[in-house]
PDB file of N, CA and C in Angstrom:
ATOM      1  N   MET A   1      63.141 -10.505 -11.274  1.00  0.00           N
ATOM      2  CA  MET A   1      62.468  -9.289 -11.512  1.00  0.00           C
ATOM      3  C   MET A   1      61.125  -9.333 -10.508  1.00  0.00           C
ATOM      4  N   GLU A   2      60.885  -8.209  -9.767  1.00  0.00           N
ATOM      5  CA  GLU A   2      59.816  -8.265  -8.834  1.00  0.00           C
ATOM      6  C   GLU A   2      58.632  -7.752  -9.610  1.00  0.00           C
ATOM      7  N   ASP A   3      57.418  -8.232  -9.131  1.00  0.00           N
ATOM      8  CA  ASP A   3      56.180  -7.635  -9.846  1.00  0.00           C
ATOM      9  C   ASP A   3      55.598  -6.602  -8.771  1.00  0.00           C
ATOM     10  N   ASP A   4      55.385  -5.347  -9.132  1.00  0.00           N
ATOM     11  CA  ASP A   4      55.003  -4.316  -8.255  1.00  0.00           C
ATOM     12  C   ASP A   4      53.480  -4.496  -7.997  1.00  0.00           C
ATOM     13  N   ASP A   5      52.720  -5.215  -8.764  1.00  0.00           N
ATOM     14  CA  ASP A   5      51.276  -5.254  -8.502  1.00  0.00           C
ATOM     15  C   ASP A   5      51.017  -6.178  -7.352  1.00  0.00           C
ATOM     16  N   ASP A   6      51.809  -6.872  -6.727  1.00  0.00           N
ATOM     17  CA  ASP A   6      51.684  -7.756  -5.601  1.00  0.00           C
ATOM     18  C   ASP A   6      51.664  -7.075  -4.363  1.00  0.00           C
ATOM     19  N   ASP A   7      51.681  -5.752  -4.214  1.00  0.00           N
ATOM     20  CA  ASP A   7      51.792  -4.978  -2.901  1.00  0.00           C
ATOM     21  C   ASP A   7      50.359  -4.861  -2.377  1.00  0.00           C
ATOM     22  N   ASP A   8      49.707  -6.026  -2.057  1.00  0.00           N
ATOM     23  CA  ASP A   8      48.438  -5.991  -1.462  1.00  0.00           C
ATOM     24  C   ASP A   8      48.414  -5.340  -0.105  1.00  0.00           C
ATOM     25  N   ASP A   9      49.562  -5.367   0.548  1.00  0.00           N
ATOM     26  CA  ASP A   9      49.603  -4.780   1.935  1.00  0.00           C
ATOM     27  C   ASP A   9      49.281  -3.337   2.037  1.00  0.00           C
ATOM     28  N   ASP A  10      49.654  -2.669   0.888  1.00  0.00           N
ATOM     29  CA  ASP A  10      49.350  -1.124   0.678  1.00  0.00           C
ATOM     30  C   ASP A  10      47.883  -0.792   0.325  1.00  0.00           C
ATOM     31  N   GLU A  11      47.106  -1.769  -0.053  1.00  0.00           N
ATOM     32  CA  GLU A  11      45.751  -1.560  -0.470  1.00  0.00           C
ATOM     33  C   GLU A  11      44.894  -1.101   0.758  1.00  0.00           C
ATOM     34  N   PRO A  12      44.276  -0.156   0.788  1.00  0.00           N
ATOM     35  CA  PRO A  12      43.255   0.170   1.783  1.00  0.00           C
ATOM     36  C   PRO A  12      42.204  -0.737   2.016  1.00  0.00           C
ATOM     37  N   VAL A  13      41.807  -0.900   3.282  1.00  0.00           N
ATOM     38  CA  VAL A  13      40.612  -1.948   3.577  1.00  0.00           C
ATOM     39  C   VAL A  13      39.581  -1.051   4.035  1.00  0.00           C
ATOM     40  N   ASP A  14      38.355  -1.316   3.538  1.00  0.00           N
ATOM     41  CA  ASP A  14      37.161  -0.610   4.070  1.00  0.00           C
ATOM     42  C   ASP A  14      36.665  -1.316   5.120  1.00  0.00           C
ATOM     43  N   VAL A  15      36.707  -0.769   6.466  1.00  0.00           N
ATOM     44  CA  VAL A  15      36.305  -1.521   7.607  1.00  0.00           C
ATOM     45  C   VAL A  15      34.814  -1.152   8.060  1.00  0.00           C
ATOM     46  N   LEU A  16      34.241  -0.060   7.281  1.00  0.00           N
ATOM     47  CA  LEU A  16      32.913   0.336   7.584  1.00  0.00           C
ATOM     48  C   LEU A  16      31.912  -0.775   7.528  1.00  0.00           C
ATOM     49  N   PRO A  17      31.699  -1.643   6.495  1.00  0.00           N
ATOM     50  CA  PRO A  17      30.741  -2.747   6.529  1.00  0.00           C
ATOM     51  C   PRO A  17      30.862  -3.627   7.755  1.00  0.00           C
ATOM     52  N   LYS A  18      32.073  -4.010   8.080  1.00  0.00           N
ATOM     53  CA  LYS A  18      32.371  -4.828   9.286  1.00  0.00           C
ATOM     54  C   LYS A  18      31.945  -4.210  10.479  1.00  0.00           C
ATOM     55  N   LEU A  19      32.293  -2.825  10.706  1.00  0.00           N
ATOM     56  CA  LEU A  19      31.898  -2.199  11.874  1.00  0.00           C
ATOM     57  C   LEU A  19      30.324  -1.983  12.009  1.00  0.00           C
ATOM     58  N   ARG A  20      29.743  -1.733  10.796  1.00  0.00           N
ATOM     59  CA  ARG A  20      28.232  -1.683  10.928  1.00  0.00           C
ATOM     60  C   ARG A  20      27.624  -2.846  11.312  1.00  0.00           C
ATOM     61  N   GLU A  21      28.071  -4.049  10.750  1.00  0.00           N
ATOM     62  CA  GLU A  21      27.563  -5.319  11.276  1.00  0.00           C
ATOM     63  C   GLU A  21      27.724  -5.527  12.684  1.00  0.00           C
ATOM     64  N   GLU A  22      28.887  -5.228  13.296  1.00  0.00           N
ATOM     65  CA  GLU A  22      29.161  -5.372  14.735  1.00  0.00           C
ATOM     66  C   GLU A  22      28.226  -4.447  15.593  1.00  0.00           C
ATOM     67  N   ARG A  23      27.930  -3.259  15.093  1.00  0.00           N
ATOM     68  CA  ARG A  23      27.286  -2.309  15.950  1.00  0.00           C
ATOM     69  C   ARG A  23      25.748  -2.283  15.749  1.00  0.00           C
ATOM     70  N   MET A  24      25.206  -3.120  14.875  1.00  0.00           N
ATOM     71  CA  MET A  24      23.768  -3.225  14.638  1.00  0.00           C
ATOM     72  C   MET A  24      22.990  -3.488  15.918  1.00  0.00           C
ATOM     73  N   SER A  25      23.620  -4.193  16.863  1.00  0.00           N
ATOM     74  CA  SER A  25      22.812  -4.617  18.082  1.00  0.00           C
ATOM     75  C   SER A  25      22.472  -3.421  18.825  1.00  0.00           C
ATOM     76  N   GLY A  26      23.145  -2.309  18.751  1.00  0.00           N
ATOM     77  CA  GLY A  26      22.760  -1.046  19.390  1.00  0.00           C
ATOM     78  C   GLY A  26      21.550  -0.297  18.888  1.00  0.00           C
ATOM     79  N   CYS A  27      21.089  -0.797  17.751  1.00  0.00           N
ATOM     80  CA  CYS A  27      19.910  -0.114  17.280  1.00  0.00           C
ATOM     81  C   CYS A  27      18.719  -1.042  16.947  1.00  0.00           C
ATOM     82  N   LYS A  28      18.394  -1.818  17.923  1.00  0.00           N
ATOM     83  CA  LYS A  28      17.429  -2.897  17.684  1.00  0.00           C
ATOM     84  C   LYS A  28      16.043  -2.203  17.429  1.00  0.00           C
ATOM     85  N   LYS A  29      15.740  -0.987  18.094  1.00  0.00           N
ATOM     86  CA  LYS A  29      14.458  -0.477  17.872  1.00  0.00           C
ATOM     87  C   LYS A  29      14.283  -0.093  16.405  1.00  0.00           C
ATOM     88  N   GLU A  30      15.324   0.594  15.838  1.00  0.00           N
ATOM     89  CA  GLU A  30      15.318   1.149  14.502  1.00  0.00           C
ATOM     90  C   GLU A  30      15.182  -0.093  13.482  1.00  0.00           C
ATOM     91  N   ILE A  31      15.952  -1.191  13.817  1.00  0.00           N
ATOM     92  CA  ILE A  31      15.962  -2.425  12.941  1.00  0.00           C
ATOM     93  C   ILE A  31      14.527  -2.972  12.971  1.00  0.00           C
ATOM     94  N   GLU A  32      13.970  -3.027  14.129  1.00  0.00           N
ATOM     95  CA  GLU A  32      12.690  -3.700  14.279  1.00  0.00           C
ATOM     96  C   GLU A  32      11.542  -2.809  13.494  1.00  0.00           C
ATOM     97  N   ASN A  33      11.768  -1.483  13.601  1.00  0.00           N
ATOM     98  CA  ASN A  33      10.739  -0.589  12.875  1.00  0.00           C
ATOM     99  C   ASN A  33      10.908  -0.793  11.326  1.00  0.00           C
ATOM    100  N   TYR A  34      12.123  -1.008  10.878  1.00  0.00           N
ATOM    101  CA  TYR A  34      12.305  -1.067   9.510  1.00  0.00           C
ATOM    102  C   TYR A  34      11.873  -2.527   8.974  1.00  0.00           C
ATOM    103  N   LYS A  35      12.022  -3.502   9.855  1.00  0.00           N
ATOM    104  CA  LYS A  35      11.485  -4.884   9.472  1.00  0.00           C
ATOM    105  C   LYS A  35       9.987  -4.810   9.484  1.00  0.00           C
ATOM    106  N   ALA A  36       9.372  -4.097  10.411  1.00  0.00           N
ATOM    107  CA  ALA A  36       7.860  -4.101  10.361  1.00  0.00           C
ATOM    108  C   ALA A  36       7.382  -3.393   9.229  1.00  0.00           C
ATOM    109  N   CYS A  37       8.096  -2.322   8.810  1.00  0.00           N
ATOM    110  CA  CYS A  37       7.639  -1.655   7.659  1.00  0.00           C
ATOM    111  C   CYS A  37       7.755  -2.563   6.357  1.00  0.00           C
ATOM    112  N   GLU A  38       8.896  -3.308   6.354  1.00  0.00           N
ATOM    113  CA  GLU A  38       9.059  -4.235   5.176  1.00  0.00           C
ATOM    114  C   GLU A  38       7.811  -5.268   5.061  1.00  0.00           C
ATOM    115  N   GLU A  39       7.394  -5.635   6.283  1.00  0.00           N
ATOM    116  CA  GLU A  39       6.338  -6.715   6.261  1.00  0.00           C
ATOM    117  C   GLU A  39       4.960  -6.019   5.816  1.00  0.00           C
ATOM    118  N   ARG A  40       4.835  -4.731   6.218  1.00  0.00           N
ATOM    119  CA  ARG A  40       3.608  -3.975   5.898  1.00  0.00           C
ATOM    120  C   ARG A  40       3.644  -3.791   4.319  1.00  0.00           C
ATOM    121  N   ILE A  41       4.765  -3.496   3.790  1.00  0.00           N
ATOM    122  CA  ILE A  41       4.856  -3.267   2.256  1.00  0.00           C
ATOM    123  C   ILE A  41       4.501  -4.581   1.639  1.00  0.00           C
ATOM    124  N   ALA A  42       5.131  -5.654   2.097  1.00  0.00           N
ATOM    125  CA  ALA A  42       4.970  -6.945   1.427  1.00  0.00           C
ATOM    126  C   ALA A  42       3.476  -7.308   1.469  1.00  0.00           C
ATOM    127  N   GLU A  43       2.701  -7.014   2.487  1.00  0.00           N
ATOM    128  CA  GLU A  43       1.261  -7.349   2.531  1.00  0.00           C
ATOM    129  C   GLU A  43       0.545  -6.440   1.569  1.00  0.00           C
ATOM    130  N   LYS A  44       0.833  -5.063   1.649  1.00  0.00           N
ATOM    131  CA  LYS A  44       0.115  -4.230   0.803  1.00  0.00           C
ATOM    132  C   LYS A  44       0.541  -4.245  -0.721  1.00  0.00           C
ATOM    133  N   GLY A  45       1.807  -4.718  -1.016  1.00  0.00           N
ATOM    134  CA  GLY A  45       2.240  -4.605  -2.390  1.00  0.00           C
ATOM    135  C   GLY A  45       2.778  -3.363  -2.850  1.00  0.00           C
ATOM    136  N   HIS A  46       2.676  -2.271  -2.026  1.00  0.00           N
ATOM    137  CA  HIS A  46       3.230  -1.060  -2.621  1.00  0.00           C
ATOM    138  C   HIS A  46       3.649  -0.179  -1.524  1.00  0.00           C
ATOM    139  N   GLY A  47       4.483   0.799  -1.807  1.00  0.00           N
ATOM    140  CA  GLY A  47       5.038   1.674  -0.746  1.00  0.00           C
ATOM    141  C   GLY A  47       6.549   1.462  -0.612  1.00  0.00           C
ATOM    142  N   ASP A  48       7.068   2.134   0.408  1.00  0.00           N
ATOM    143  CA  ASP A  48       8.482   2.021   0.565  1.00  0.00           C
ATOM    144  C   ASP A  48       8.773   2.280   2.062  1.00  0.00           C
ATOM    145  N   CYS A  49       9.950   1.906   2.473  1.00  0.00           N
ATOM    146  CA  CYS A  49      10.456   2.005   3.831  1.00  0.00           C
ATOM    147  C   CYS A  49      11.680   2.948   3.821  1.00  0.00           C
ATOM    148  N   GLU A  50      11.793   3.869   2.919  1.00  0.00           N
ATOM    149  CA  GLU A  50      12.986   4.647   2.838  1.00  0.00           C
ATOM    150  C   GLU A  50      13.278   5.404   4.117  1.00  0.00           C
ATOM    151  N   SER A  51      12.349   5.964   4.778  1.00  0.00           N
ATOM    152  CA  SER A  51      12.661   6.814   5.964  1.00  0.00           C
ATOM    153  C   SER A  51      13.054   5.832   7.214  1.00  0.00           C
ATOM    154  N   TRP A  52      12.566   4.650   7.343  1.00  0.00           N
ATOM    155  CA  TRP A  52      12.907   3.811   8.325  1.00  0.00           C
ATOM    156  C   TRP A  52      14.294   3.148   7.991  1.00  0.00           C
ATOM    157  N   TYR A  53      14.597   3.020   6.771  1.00  0.00           N
ATOM    158  CA  TYR A  53      15.962   2.532   6.452  1.00  0.00           C
ATOM    159  C   TYR A  53      16.958   3.521   6.870  1.00  0.00           C
ATOM    160  N   PHE A  54      16.688   4.726   6.512  1.00  0.00           N
ATOM    161  CA  PHE A  54      17.668   5.881   6.887  1.00  0.00           C
ATOM    162  C   PHE A  54      17.720   6.083   8.365  1.00  0.00           C
ATOM    163  N   ASP A  55      16.633   5.874   9.190  1.00  0.00           N
ATOM    164  CA  ASP A  55      16.745   5.915  10.589  1.00  0.00           C
ATOM    165  C   ASP A  55      17.626   4.796  11.050  1.00  0.00           C
ATOM    166  N   GLN A  56      17.443   3.643  10.488  1.00  0.00           N
ATOM    167  CA  GLN A  56      18.404   2.551  10.921  1.00  0.00           C
ATOM    168  C   GLN A  56      19.800   2.884  10.582  1.00  0.00           C
ATOM    169  N   LEU A  57      20.037   3.282   9.443  1.00  0.00           N
ATOM    170  CA  LEU A  57      21.298   3.526   9.000  1.00  0.00           C
ATOM    171  C   LEU A  57      21.981   4.652   9.838  1.00  0.00           C
ATOM    172  N   ALA A  58      21.397   5.744  10.092  1.00  0.00           N
ATOM    173  CA  ALA A  58      21.830   6.828  10.954  1.00  0.00           C
ATOM    174  C   ALA A  58      22.138   6.308  12.348  1.00  0.00           C
ATOM    175  N   CYS A  59      21.395   5.412  12.907  1.00  0.00           N
ATOM    176  CA  CYS A  59      21.647   4.882  14.254  1.00  0.00           C
ATOM    177  C   CYS A  59      22.884   4.099  14.225  1.00  0.00           C
ATOM    178  N   VAL A  60      22.886   3.187  13.220  1.00  0.00           N
ATOM    179  CA  VAL A  60      24.276   2.321  13.125  1.00  0.00           C
ATOM    180  C   VAL A  60      25.448   3.205  12.932  1.00  0.00           C
ATOM    181  N   ASP A  61      25.382   4.148  12.052  1.00  0.00           N
ATOM    182  CA  ASP A  61      26.557   5.030  11.811  1.00  0.00           C
ATOM    183  C   ASP A  61      26.906   5.765  12.965  1.00  0.00           C
ATOM    184  N   LYS A  62      25.990   6.297  13.788  1.00  0.00           N
ATOM    185  CA  LYS A  62      26.297   6.944  15.104  1.00  0.00           C
ATOM    186  C   LYS A  62      27.051   6.024  15.952  1.00  0.00           C
ATOM    187  N   CYS A  63      26.621   4.785  16.132  1.00  0.00           N
ATOM    188  CA  CYS A  63      27.359   3.879  16.853  1.00  0.00           C
ATOM    189  C   CYS A  63      28.855   3.540  16.331  1.00  0.00           C
ATOM    190  N   VAL A  64      28.991   3.558  15.053  1.00  0.00           N
ATOM    191  CA  VAL A  64      30.242   3.174  14.368  1.00  0.00           C
ATOM    192  C   VAL A  64      31.222   4.328  14.503  1.00  0.00           C
ATOM    193  N   VAL A  65      30.879   5.598  14.417  1.00  0.00           N
ATOM    194  CA  VAL A  65      31.768   6.711  14.282  1.00  0.00           C
ATOM    195  C   VAL A  65      32.978   6.550  15.313  1.00  0.00           C
ATOM    196  N   PRO A  66      32.694   6.430  16.599  1.00  0.00           N
ATOM    197  CA  PRO A  66      33.839   6.400  17.572  1.00  0.00           C
ATOM    198  C   PRO A  66      34.811   5.292  17.262  1.00  0.00           C
ATOM    199  N   LYS A  67      34.325   4.126  16.869  1.00  0.00           N
ATOM    200  CA  LYS A  67      35.235   3.082  16.520  1.00  0.00           C
ATOM    201  C   LYS A  67      35.877   3.165  15.151  1.00  0.00           C
ATOM    202  N   LEU A  68      35.183   3.812  14.241  1.00  0.00           N
ATOM    203  CA  LEU A  68      35.830   4.029  13.021  1.00  0.00           C
ATOM    204  C   LEU A  68      37.145   4.855  13.032  1.00  0.00           C
ATOM    205  N   PHE A  69      37.197   5.847  13.832  1.00  0.00           N
ATOM    206  CA  PHE A  69      38.337   6.782  13.923  1.00  0.00           C
ATOM    207  C   PHE A  69      39.657   6.078  14.441  1.00  0.00           C
ATOM    208  N   GLU A  70      39.337   5.006  15.162  1.00  0.00           N
ATOM    209  CA  GLU A  70      40.519   4.105  15.541  1.00  0.00           C
ATOM    210  C   GLU A  70      41.282   3.567  14.390  1.00  0.00           C
ATOM    211  N   TYR A  71      40.718   3.497  13.273  1.00  0.00           N
ATOM    212  CA  TYR A  71      41.273   2.848  12.130  1.00  0.00           C
ATOM    213  C   TYR A  71      42.025   3.848  11.147  1.00  0.00           C
ATOM    214  N   THR A  72      41.840   5.138  11.508  1.00  0.00           N
ATOM    215  CA  THR A  72      42.457   6.134  10.559  1.00  0.00           C
ATOM    216  C   THR A  72      43.901   6.320  11.016  1.00  0.00           C
ATOM    217  N   LYS A  73      44.622   6.664   9.961  1.00  0.00           N
ATOM    218  CA  LYS A  73      46.144   6.890  10.208  1.00  0.00           C
ATOM    219  C   LYS A  73      46.436   8.465  10.181  1.00  0.00           C
TER     220      LYS A  73
END
């Protein structure tokens, strides 16, 4: 008797985290701005870097989109 739960080949794989990691090098300015903000916040002890984080994420996602569609079926 076969176990139908072993069909791991049919499970979808989320490639977005891997692609984001690979494409981060194209967003050095945004990443540097975010890290600089984190350092300022650590020194001050308050505040946030939300806008810098979203700038970084938007840049990376913009670099990822063309590659991401290669994985769609």
